[in-house]
């Protein structure tokens, strides 16, 4: 029974939330423009919880000579099982 409260305390750590905003004059992917030479903005949000759960999303929007449009997006979620220095995801 003593192990149960310590496990509960270990998981009571607040989640880590990170955000990133990137402004670009031309959005490139592998050296090729994906924004048709228009400027763009990318917003990333990431969540990492002490329990091992993680998730995130990213969206890129371009506007300029052409009308505003979404040019890329990514979403992910998973669980990391940590065993010492090894993590299985």
N, C-alpha and C. Protein backbone atom coordinates (compact mmCIF):
# COMPACT_ATOMS: atom_id res chain seq x y z
N UNK A 1 0.80 -1.21 0.00
CA UNK A 1 0.00 0.00 0.00
C UNK A 1 0.85 1.27 0.00
N UNK A 2 2.05 1.20 0.49
CA UNK A 2 2.89 2.40 0.53
C UNK A 2 3.30 2.86 -0.86
N UNK A 3 3.38 1.94 -1.82
CA UNK A 3 3.80 2.29 -3.17
C UNK A 3 2.71 3.07 -3.91
N UNK A 4 1.45 2.82 -3.58
CA UNK A 4 0.36 3.50 -4.27
C UNK A 4 0.38 5.02 -4.09
N UNK A 5 0.52 5.56 -2.85
CA UNK A 5 0.58 7.02 -2.73
C UNK A 5 1.77 7.64 -3.45
N UNK A 6 2.92 6.98 -3.47
CA UNK A 6 4.07 7.55 -4.15
C UNK A 6 3.85 7.57 -5.66
N UNK A 7 3.18 6.56 -6.21
CA UNK A 7 2.87 6.54 -7.64
C UNK A 7 1.88 7.66 -7.97
N UNK A 8 0.92 7.90 -7.09
CA UNK A 8 -0.04 8.97 -7.31
C UNK A 8 0.66 10.33 -7.27
N UNK A 9 1.60 10.50 -6.35
CA UNK A 9 2.34 11.75 -6.27
C UNK A 9 3.19 11.98 -7.51
N UNK A 10 3.78 10.91 -8.04
CA UNK A 10 4.63 11.04 -9.23
C UNK A 10 3.82 11.51 -10.43
N UNK A 11 2.55 11.12 -10.50
CA UNK A 11 1.72 11.49 -11.64
C UNK A 11 0.99 12.81 -11.42
N UNK A 12 1.15 13.42 -10.24
CA UNK A 12 0.46 14.68 -9.99
C UNK A 12 1.25 15.88 -10.52
N UNK A 13 2.38 15.63 -11.15
CA UNK A 13 3.17 16.71 -11.75
C UNK A 13 2.35 17.35 -12.87
N UNK A 14 2.28 18.67 -12.90
CA UNK A 14 1.49 19.32 -13.96
C UNK A 14 2.08 19.04 -15.34
N UNK A 15 1.23 19.00 -16.35
CA UNK A 15 1.72 18.76 -17.71
C UNK A 15 2.57 19.93 -18.20
N UNK A 16 3.49 19.62 -19.08
CA UNK A 16 4.32 20.65 -19.70
C UNK A 16 3.69 21.02 -21.04
N UNK A 17 3.32 22.27 -21.19
CA UNK A 17 2.72 22.76 -22.42
C UNK A 17 3.70 23.73 -23.07
N UNK A 18 4.01 23.50 -24.33
CA UNK A 18 4.95 24.36 -25.05
C UNK A 18 4.27 24.86 -26.33
N UNK A 19 4.61 26.08 -26.70
CA UNK A 19 4.08 26.67 -27.92
C UNK A 19 5.21 27.35 -28.68
N UNK A 20 5.08 27.38 -29.99
CA UNK A 20 6.10 27.95 -30.85
C UNK A 20 5.40 28.63 -32.02
N UNK A 21 5.82 29.85 -32.35
CA UNK A 21 5.28 30.57 -33.51
C UNK A 21 6.45 30.96 -34.41
N UNK A 22 6.34 30.63 -35.69
CA UNK A 22 7.41 30.91 -36.66
C UNK A 22 6.83 31.77 -37.78
N UNK A 23 7.47 32.90 -38.04
CA UNK A 23 7.09 33.75 -39.18
C UNK A 23 8.17 33.59 -40.25
N UNK A 24 7.75 33.32 -41.48
CA UNK A 24 8.70 33.08 -42.57
C UNK A 24 8.33 33.90 -43.80
N UNK A 25 9.35 34.35 -44.52
CA UNK A 25 9.09 35.10 -45.74
C UNK A 25 8.68 34.17 -46.89
N UNK A 26 9.03 32.89 -46.77
CA UNK A 26 8.68 31.88 -47.76
C UNK A 26 8.78 30.53 -47.06
N UNK A 27 7.71 29.76 -47.03
CA UNK A 27 7.71 28.49 -46.32
C UNK A 27 8.26 27.41 -47.24
N UNK A 28 9.32 26.77 -46.81
CA UNK A 28 9.98 25.73 -47.60
C UNK A 28 9.84 24.36 -46.96
N UNK A 29 9.77 23.34 -47.79
CA UNK A 29 9.83 21.94 -47.35
C UNK A 29 10.81 21.23 -48.25
N UNK A 30 11.89 20.74 -47.65
CA UNK A 30 12.97 20.08 -48.40
C UNK A 30 13.48 20.94 -49.55
N UNK A 31 13.60 22.23 -49.29
CA UNK A 31 14.19 23.14 -50.27
C UNK A 31 13.23 23.66 -51.32
N UNK A 32 11.99 23.22 -51.30
CA UNK A 32 11.00 23.67 -52.28
C UNK A 32 9.93 24.51 -51.58
N UNK A 33 9.49 25.58 -52.25
CA UNK A 33 8.46 26.43 -51.65
C UNK A 33 7.12 25.68 -51.61
N UNK A 34 6.44 25.76 -50.46
CA UNK A 34 5.09 25.21 -50.36
C UNK A 34 4.08 26.34 -50.14
N UNK A 35 4.59 27.58 -50.14
CA UNK A 35 3.71 28.73 -49.94
C UNK A 35 3.59 29.58 -51.20
N UNK A 36 4.08 29.08 -52.33
CA UNK A 36 4.04 29.82 -53.60
C UNK A 36 4.73 31.18 -53.45
N UNK A 37 5.85 31.20 -52.73
CA UNK A 37 6.65 32.39 -52.47
C UNK A 37 5.93 33.45 -51.63
N UNK A 38 4.80 33.10 -51.00
CA UNK A 38 4.10 34.00 -50.08
C UNK A 38 4.67 33.82 -48.67
N UNK A 39 4.57 34.86 -47.82
CA UNK A 39 4.98 34.71 -46.43
C UNK A 39 4.01 33.78 -45.69
N UNK A 40 4.51 33.18 -44.61
CA UNK A 40 3.67 32.25 -43.87
C UNK A 40 3.94 32.30 -42.38
N UNK A 41 3.04 31.69 -41.63
CA UNK A 41 3.18 31.57 -40.18
C UNK A 41 2.88 30.11 -39.81
N UNK A 42 3.68 29.57 -38.90
CA UNK A 42 3.47 28.22 -38.38
C UNK A 42 3.30 28.31 -36.87
N UNK A 43 2.28 27.62 -36.35
CA UNK A 43 2.01 27.58 -34.92
C UNK A 43 2.08 26.13 -34.48
N UNK A 44 2.90 25.86 -33.44
CA UNK A 44 3.04 24.52 -32.87
C UNK A 44 2.58 24.54 -31.42
N UNK A 45 1.84 23.52 -31.00
CA UNK A 45 1.47 23.31 -29.60
C UNK A 45 1.84 21.89 -29.23
N UNK A 46 2.49 21.72 -28.07
CA UNK A 46 2.93 20.40 -27.62
C UNK A 46 2.61 20.22 -26.15
N UNK A 47 2.15 19.03 -25.79
CA UNK A 47 1.82 18.68 -24.41
C UNK A 47 2.60 17.43 -24.03
N UNK A 48 3.25 17.48 -22.88
CA UNK A 48 4.01 16.33 -22.38
C UNK A 48 3.67 16.16 -20.91
N UNK A 49 3.07 15.03 -20.55
CA UNK A 49 2.65 14.78 -19.17
C UNK A 49 3.58 13.78 -18.50
N UNK A 50 3.77 13.92 -17.21
CA UNK A 50 4.65 13.03 -16.45
C UNK A 50 4.19 11.58 -16.50
N UNK A 51 2.91 11.34 -16.76
CA UNK A 51 2.38 9.98 -16.84
C UNK A 51 2.90 9.23 -18.08
N UNK A 52 3.43 9.98 -19.05
CA UNK A 52 3.92 9.38 -20.29
C UNK A 52 3.11 9.78 -21.51
N UNK A 53 1.93 10.37 -21.29
CA UNK A 53 1.09 10.81 -22.42
C UNK A 53 1.71 12.04 -23.06
N UNK A 54 1.72 12.08 -24.39
CA UNK A 54 2.18 13.27 -25.12
C UNK A 54 1.30 13.48 -26.34
N UNK A 55 1.18 14.75 -26.76
CA UNK A 55 0.37 15.08 -27.93
C UNK A 55 0.82 16.43 -28.47
N UNK A 56 0.50 16.68 -29.72
CA UNK A 56 0.87 17.95 -30.31
C UNK A 56 0.18 18.18 -31.63
N UNK A 57 0.25 19.42 -32.08
CA UNK A 57 -0.34 19.80 -33.36
C UNK A 57 0.44 20.98 -33.92
N UNK A 58 0.48 21.05 -35.24
CA UNK A 58 1.17 22.13 -35.94
C UNK A 58 0.34 22.50 -37.16
N UNK A 59 0.24 23.80 -37.42
CA UNK A 59 -0.47 24.26 -38.61
C UNK A 59 0.33 25.40 -39.24
N UNK A 60 0.40 25.40 -40.56
CA UNK A 60 1.09 26.45 -41.31
C UNK A 60 0.09 27.10 -42.26
N UNK A 61 0.09 28.43 -42.25
CA UNK A 61 -0.83 29.22 -43.10
C UNK A 61 0.02 30.21 -43.89
N UNK A 62 -0.30 30.39 -45.16
CA UNK A 62 0.40 31.35 -46.01
C UNK A 62 -0.60 32.34 -46.58
N UNK A 63 -0.13 33.57 -46.80
CA UNK A 63 -0.97 34.60 -47.42
C UNK A 63 -0.03 35.64 -48.03
N UNK A 64 -0.53 36.39 -48.97
CA UNK A 64 0.27 37.42 -49.63
C UNK A 64 -0.36 37.73 -50.96
N UNK A 65 0.37 37.44 -52.04
CA UNK A 65 -0.17 37.66 -53.38
C UNK A 65 -1.38 36.75 -53.63
N UNK A 66 -1.40 35.60 -53.00
CA UNK A 66 -2.52 34.66 -53.11
C UNK A 66 -3.39 34.78 -51.86
N UNK A 67 -4.62 34.27 -51.90
CA UNK A 67 -5.50 34.36 -50.74
C UNK A 67 -4.97 33.47 -49.61
N UNK A 68 -5.31 33.79 -48.33
CA UNK A 68 -4.84 32.99 -47.20
C UNK A 68 -5.27 31.53 -47.33
N UNK A 69 -4.37 30.61 -46.99
CA UNK A 69 -4.68 29.19 -47.12
C UNK A 69 -3.79 28.37 -46.19
N UNK A 70 -4.32 27.23 -45.75
CA UNK A 70 -3.53 26.30 -44.95
C UNK A 70 -2.63 25.51 -45.90
N UNK A 71 -1.34 25.45 -45.60
CA UNK A 71 -0.42 24.76 -46.50
C UNK A 71 0.16 23.49 -45.88
N UNK A 72 0.06 23.34 -44.55
CA UNK A 72 0.55 22.11 -43.91
C UNK A 72 -0.06 21.99 -42.53
N UNK A 73 -0.28 20.75 -42.08
CA UNK A 73 -0.72 20.51 -40.72
C UNK A 73 -0.29 19.13 -40.28
N UNK A 74 -0.06 18.97 -39.00
CA UNK A 74 0.37 17.70 -38.42
C UNK A 74 -0.24 17.57 -37.03
N UNK A 75 -0.68 16.37 -36.69
CA UNK A 75 -1.16 16.07 -35.35
C UNK A 75 -0.55 14.75 -34.91
N UNK A 76 -0.31 14.62 -33.61
CA UNK A 76 0.20 13.36 -33.09
C UNK A 76 -0.20 13.20 -31.63
N UNK A 77 -0.23 11.96 -31.17
CA UNK A 77 -0.47 11.65 -29.77
C UNK A 77 0.14 10.29 -29.50
N UNK A 78 0.52 10.07 -28.26
CA UNK A 78 1.10 8.78 -27.93
C UNK A 78 1.34 8.64 -26.45
N UNK A 79 1.98 7.53 -26.10
CA UNK A 79 2.31 7.24 -24.72
C UNK A 79 3.74 6.71 -24.68
N UNK A 80 4.54 7.27 -23.79
CA UNK A 80 5.93 6.84 -23.62
C UNK A 80 6.02 6.00 -22.35
N UNK A 81 6.42 4.75 -22.50
CA UNK A 81 6.64 3.87 -21.36
C UNK A 81 8.12 3.91 -21.04
N UNK A 82 8.47 4.52 -19.92
CA UNK A 82 9.88 4.71 -19.57
C UNK A 82 10.35 3.60 -18.63
N UNK A 83 11.49 3.01 -18.96
CA UNK A 83 12.13 1.99 -18.13
C UNK A 83 13.60 2.37 -18.02
N UNK A 84 13.95 3.15 -17.00
CA UNK A 84 15.32 3.61 -16.84
C UNK A 84 15.70 4.57 -17.95
N UNK A 85 16.77 4.24 -18.68
CA UNK A 85 17.24 5.10 -19.79
C UNK A 85 16.52 4.80 -21.10
N UNK A 86 15.63 3.80 -21.11
CA UNK A 86 14.94 3.37 -22.33
C UNK A 86 13.50 3.86 -22.32
N UNK A 87 13.02 4.32 -23.45
CA UNK A 87 11.63 4.75 -23.59
C UNK A 87 11.02 4.05 -24.80
N UNK A 88 9.87 3.39 -24.59
CA UNK A 88 9.13 2.77 -25.68
C UNK A 88 7.92 3.64 -25.95
N UNK A 89 7.71 4.03 -27.20
CA UNK A 89 6.61 4.92 -27.53
C UNK A 89 5.69 4.29 -28.55
